[in-house]
N, C-alpha and C. Protein backbone atom coordinates (compact mmCIF):
# COMPACT_ATOMS: atom_id res chain seq x y z
N MET A 1 14.78 15.28 -19.58
CA MET A 1 15.01 14.16 -18.71
C MET A 1 13.74 13.87 -17.93
N PRO A 2 13.22 12.63 -17.99
CA PRO A 2 11.98 12.30 -17.27
C PRO A 2 12.21 12.25 -15.76
N LEU A 3 11.18 12.60 -15.05
CA LEU A 3 11.22 12.59 -13.59
C LEU A 3 10.51 11.35 -13.08
N GLN A 4 11.11 10.63 -12.15
CA GLN A 4 10.50 9.45 -11.57
C GLN A 4 10.29 9.69 -10.08
N ILE A 5 9.07 9.45 -9.64
CA ILE A 5 8.75 9.56 -8.22
C ILE A 5 8.43 8.17 -7.71
N GLN A 6 9.08 7.77 -6.64
CA GLN A 6 8.86 6.45 -6.07
C GLN A 6 8.56 6.59 -4.58
N PHE A 7 7.47 5.97 -4.15
CA PHE A 7 7.06 6.05 -2.76
C PHE A 7 7.64 4.89 -1.95
N ARG A 8 7.82 5.10 -0.66
CA ARG A 8 8.22 4.01 0.22
C ARG A 8 7.06 3.03 0.28
N ARG A 9 7.38 1.74 0.27
CA ARG A 9 6.33 0.74 0.22
C ARG A 9 6.80 -0.53 0.93
N GLY A 10 5.83 -1.30 1.39
CA GLY A 10 6.10 -2.56 2.06
C GLY A 10 4.79 -3.15 2.55
N THR A 11 4.85 -4.34 3.13
CA THR A 11 3.65 -4.96 3.67
C THR A 11 3.26 -4.29 4.98
N ALA A 12 2.01 -4.48 5.38
CA ALA A 12 1.54 -3.89 6.64
C ALA A 12 2.38 -4.39 7.82
N SER A 13 2.71 -5.68 7.82
CA SER A 13 3.50 -6.22 8.93
C SER A 13 4.93 -5.67 8.94
N ALA A 14 5.50 -5.45 7.77
CA ALA A 14 6.85 -4.87 7.70
C ALA A 14 6.85 -3.43 8.21
N TRP A 15 5.82 -2.66 7.84
CA TRP A 15 5.71 -1.28 8.34
C TRP A 15 5.56 -1.28 9.86
N ALA A 16 4.71 -2.17 10.38
CA ALA A 16 4.48 -2.22 11.83
C ALA A 16 5.75 -2.62 12.57
N ALA A 17 6.50 -3.57 12.01
CA ALA A 17 7.73 -4.02 12.66
C ALA A 17 8.79 -2.92 12.69
N ALA A 18 8.93 -2.19 11.58
CA ALA A 18 9.93 -1.12 11.50
C ALA A 18 9.47 0.13 12.26
N ASP A 19 8.18 0.43 12.19
CA ASP A 19 7.54 1.58 12.85
C ASP A 19 8.35 2.87 12.74
N PRO A 20 8.69 3.28 11.51
CA PRO A 20 9.48 4.51 11.35
C PRO A 20 8.64 5.76 11.58
N THR A 21 9.31 6.86 11.81
CA THR A 21 8.65 8.17 11.82
C THR A 21 8.84 8.75 10.43
N LEU A 22 7.73 8.89 9.71
CA LEU A 22 7.79 9.41 8.34
C LEU A 22 7.99 10.92 8.37
N ALA A 23 8.75 11.42 7.43
CA ALA A 23 8.94 12.86 7.30
C ALA A 23 7.61 13.54 6.99
N GLN A 24 7.51 14.81 7.28
CA GLN A 24 6.28 15.55 6.99
C GLN A 24 5.99 15.47 5.49
N GLY A 25 4.81 14.96 5.15
CA GLY A 25 4.38 14.83 3.76
C GLY A 25 4.88 13.57 3.08
N GLU A 26 5.64 12.74 3.77
CA GLU A 26 6.16 11.50 3.17
C GLU A 26 5.04 10.47 3.05
N PHE A 27 4.93 9.86 1.89
CA PHE A 27 3.88 8.92 1.55
C PHE A 27 4.40 7.50 1.74
N ALA A 28 3.63 6.64 2.43
CA ALA A 28 4.01 5.25 2.65
C ALA A 28 2.85 4.34 2.24
N LEU A 29 3.12 3.38 1.38
CA LEU A 29 2.09 2.49 0.83
C LEU A 29 2.24 1.09 1.39
N GLU A 30 1.10 0.51 1.84
CA GLU A 30 1.07 -0.90 2.25
C GLU A 30 0.65 -1.72 1.03
N LEU A 31 1.55 -2.52 0.53
CA LEU A 31 1.32 -3.26 -0.71
C LEU A 31 0.25 -4.33 -0.58
N ASP A 32 0.10 -4.92 0.60
CA ASP A 32 -0.86 -6.01 0.76
C ASP A 32 -2.27 -5.54 1.14
N THR A 33 -2.41 -4.30 1.58
CA THR A 33 -3.73 -3.80 1.98
C THR A 33 -4.25 -2.68 1.08
N ASP A 34 -3.37 -2.15 0.23
CA ASP A 34 -3.70 -1.00 -0.63
C ASP A 34 -4.06 0.25 0.18
N LYS A 35 -3.58 0.32 1.42
CA LYS A 35 -3.80 1.50 2.26
C LYS A 35 -2.51 2.32 2.28
N PHE A 36 -2.65 3.60 2.66
CA PHE A 36 -1.47 4.45 2.75
C PHE A 36 -1.56 5.38 3.95
N LYS A 37 -0.39 5.88 4.33
CA LYS A 37 -0.29 6.86 5.40
C LYS A 37 0.63 7.97 4.93
N ILE A 38 0.43 9.15 5.47
CA ILE A 38 1.28 10.30 5.14
C ILE A 38 1.86 10.83 6.45
N GLY A 39 3.18 10.95 6.48
CA GLY A 39 3.87 11.35 7.69
C GLY A 39 3.65 12.80 8.07
N ASP A 40 3.82 13.06 9.37
CA ASP A 40 3.74 14.43 9.88
C ASP A 40 5.07 14.89 10.48
N GLY A 41 6.09 14.02 10.40
CA GLY A 41 7.41 14.38 10.90
C GLY A 41 7.65 14.08 12.36
N THR A 42 6.60 13.72 13.11
CA THR A 42 6.79 13.46 14.53
C THR A 42 6.13 12.17 15.03
N THR A 43 5.14 11.67 14.34
CA THR A 43 4.36 10.51 14.79
C THR A 43 4.89 9.21 14.19
N ALA A 44 5.07 8.19 15.02
CA ALA A 44 5.51 6.88 14.53
C ALA A 44 4.44 6.27 13.61
N TYR A 45 4.88 5.44 12.69
CA TYR A 45 4.00 4.88 11.66
C TYR A 45 2.72 4.26 12.21
N VAL A 46 2.83 3.38 13.19
CA VAL A 46 1.64 2.68 13.68
C VAL A 46 0.62 3.61 14.31
N SER A 47 1.03 4.80 14.73
CA SER A 47 0.11 5.76 15.35
C SER A 47 -0.51 6.72 14.34
N LEU A 48 0.00 6.73 13.10
CA LEU A 48 -0.58 7.60 12.07
C LEU A 48 -1.90 7.03 11.58
N PRO A 49 -2.87 7.88 11.25
CA PRO A 49 -4.11 7.39 10.65
C PRO A 49 -3.88 7.04 9.18
N TYR A 50 -4.70 6.15 8.67
CA TYR A 50 -4.66 5.87 7.23
C TYR A 50 -5.25 7.05 6.48
N GLY A 51 -4.77 7.27 5.28
CA GLY A 51 -5.26 8.37 4.47
C GLY A 51 -6.19 7.89 3.37
N GLY A 52 -6.82 8.83 2.70
CA GLY A 52 -7.62 8.53 1.53
C GLY A 52 -9.07 8.25 1.80
N ILE A 53 -9.71 7.76 0.77
CA ILE A 53 -11.14 7.45 0.80
C ILE A 53 -11.29 5.94 0.80
N VAL A 54 -12.03 5.41 1.76
CA VAL A 54 -12.23 3.97 1.85
C VAL A 54 -13.18 3.50 0.77
N GLY A 55 -14.16 4.26 0.44
CA GLY A 55 -15.15 3.90 -0.58
C GLY A 55 -16.47 4.55 -0.24
N PRO A 56 -17.28 4.79 -1.25
CA PRO A 56 -18.53 5.49 -1.01
C PRO A 56 -19.59 4.59 -0.37
N VAL A 57 -20.26 5.09 0.62
CA VAL A 57 -21.40 4.41 1.20
C VAL A 57 -22.51 5.44 1.23
N GLY A 58 -23.50 5.24 0.42
CA GLY A 58 -24.58 6.21 0.31
C GLY A 58 -25.61 6.05 1.40
N PRO A 59 -26.54 6.97 1.45
CA PRO A 59 -27.60 6.89 2.45
C PRO A 59 -28.53 5.74 2.16
N SER A 60 -29.13 5.18 3.19
CA SER A 60 -30.12 4.12 2.99
C SER A 60 -31.46 4.77 2.66
N LEU A 61 -32.37 3.99 2.09
CA LEU A 61 -33.70 4.53 1.79
C LEU A 61 -34.42 4.95 3.06
N ALA A 62 -34.11 4.27 4.17
CA ALA A 62 -34.73 4.66 5.45
C ALA A 62 -34.36 6.08 5.81
N ASN A 63 -33.15 6.48 5.47
CA ASN A 63 -32.73 7.85 5.75
C ASN A 63 -33.31 8.84 4.74
N ILE A 64 -33.53 8.38 3.52
CA ILE A 64 -34.03 9.26 2.47
C ILE A 64 -35.52 9.54 2.63
N ASP A 65 -36.30 8.49 2.92
CA ASP A 65 -37.76 8.67 2.98
C ASP A 65 -38.30 8.81 4.40
N GLY A 66 -37.45 9.13 5.34
CA GLY A 66 -37.89 9.36 6.71
C GLY A 66 -38.27 8.09 7.45
N GLY A 67 -37.79 6.93 6.98
CA GLY A 67 -38.08 5.68 7.65
C GLY A 67 -39.36 5.01 7.20
N LEU A 68 -39.96 5.48 6.11
CA LEU A 68 -41.22 4.91 5.64
C LEU A 68 -41.03 3.59 4.89
N SER A 69 -39.84 3.32 4.42
CA SER A 69 -39.58 2.11 3.65
C SER A 69 -39.44 0.91 4.58
N ASN A 70 -39.97 -0.26 4.16
CA ASN A 70 -39.82 -1.49 4.94
C ASN A 70 -38.46 -2.13 4.74
N SER A 71 -37.79 -1.79 3.64
CA SER A 71 -36.48 -2.34 3.34
C SER A 71 -35.44 -1.25 3.41
N VAL A 72 -34.23 -1.63 3.79
CA VAL A 72 -33.12 -0.69 3.82
C VAL A 72 -32.14 -1.09 2.74
N TYR A 73 -31.85 -0.19 1.83
CA TYR A 73 -30.91 -0.43 0.75
C TYR A 73 -29.72 0.49 0.96
N THR A 74 -28.54 -0.05 0.85
CA THR A 74 -27.33 0.75 1.00
C THR A 74 -26.50 0.63 -0.25
N ILE A 75 -26.03 1.76 -0.73
CA ILE A 75 -25.17 1.80 -1.90
C ILE A 75 -23.74 1.73 -1.40
N ALA A 76 -22.98 0.75 -1.86
CA ALA A 76 -21.61 0.63 -1.43
C ALA A 76 -20.80 -0.07 -2.51
N GLY A 77 -19.51 0.18 -2.54
CA GLY A 77 -18.64 -0.50 -3.50
C GLY A 77 -17.36 0.27 -3.66
N PRO A 78 -16.39 -0.36 -4.33
CA PRO A 78 -15.12 0.30 -4.54
C PRO A 78 -15.26 1.52 -5.44
N VAL A 79 -14.47 2.50 -5.18
CA VAL A 79 -14.51 3.75 -5.94
C VAL A 79 -14.21 3.49 -7.41
N ASP A 80 -13.30 2.55 -7.69
CA ASP A 80 -12.87 2.35 -9.07
C ASP A 80 -13.61 1.21 -9.76
N GLY A 81 -14.77 0.82 -9.28
CA GLY A 81 -15.56 -0.20 -9.93
C GLY A 81 -15.01 -1.61 -9.76
N GLY A 82 -14.23 -1.85 -8.72
CA GLY A 82 -13.74 -3.19 -8.46
C GLY A 82 -12.32 -3.43 -8.93
N ASN A 83 -11.65 -2.40 -9.40
CA ASN A 83 -10.28 -2.56 -9.89
C ASN A 83 -9.26 -2.06 -8.88
N SER A 84 -9.55 -2.23 -7.58
CA SER A 84 -8.67 -1.65 -6.56
C SER A 84 -7.27 -2.26 -6.56
N GLY A 85 -7.09 -3.41 -7.22
CA GLY A 85 -5.77 -4.01 -7.29
C GLY A 85 -4.96 -3.56 -8.49
N ALA A 86 -5.55 -2.73 -9.35
CA ALA A 86 -4.87 -2.27 -10.56
C ALA A 86 -3.68 -1.39 -10.22
N GLN A 87 -2.62 -1.53 -10.95
CA GLN A 87 -1.41 -0.72 -10.75
C GLN A 87 -1.46 0.52 -11.61
């Protein structure tokens, strides 16, 4: 028999309006922002921090070469190469 796991989900505004206290380890997904929170069993939803990795931001050349470069280059972008909306 296959196992199905389904997370609680809703829009950011719906989560804020309901402001539930998530159970410890309970995962909640914001469908419109692609952000998530994980409950601790005592903190209301709006007070919980968002979880996960926002995306990589590498060091600038100014930080790498001790500030000798005239230009500052920053490496940034979505972790999944731009497919953050993929299901």
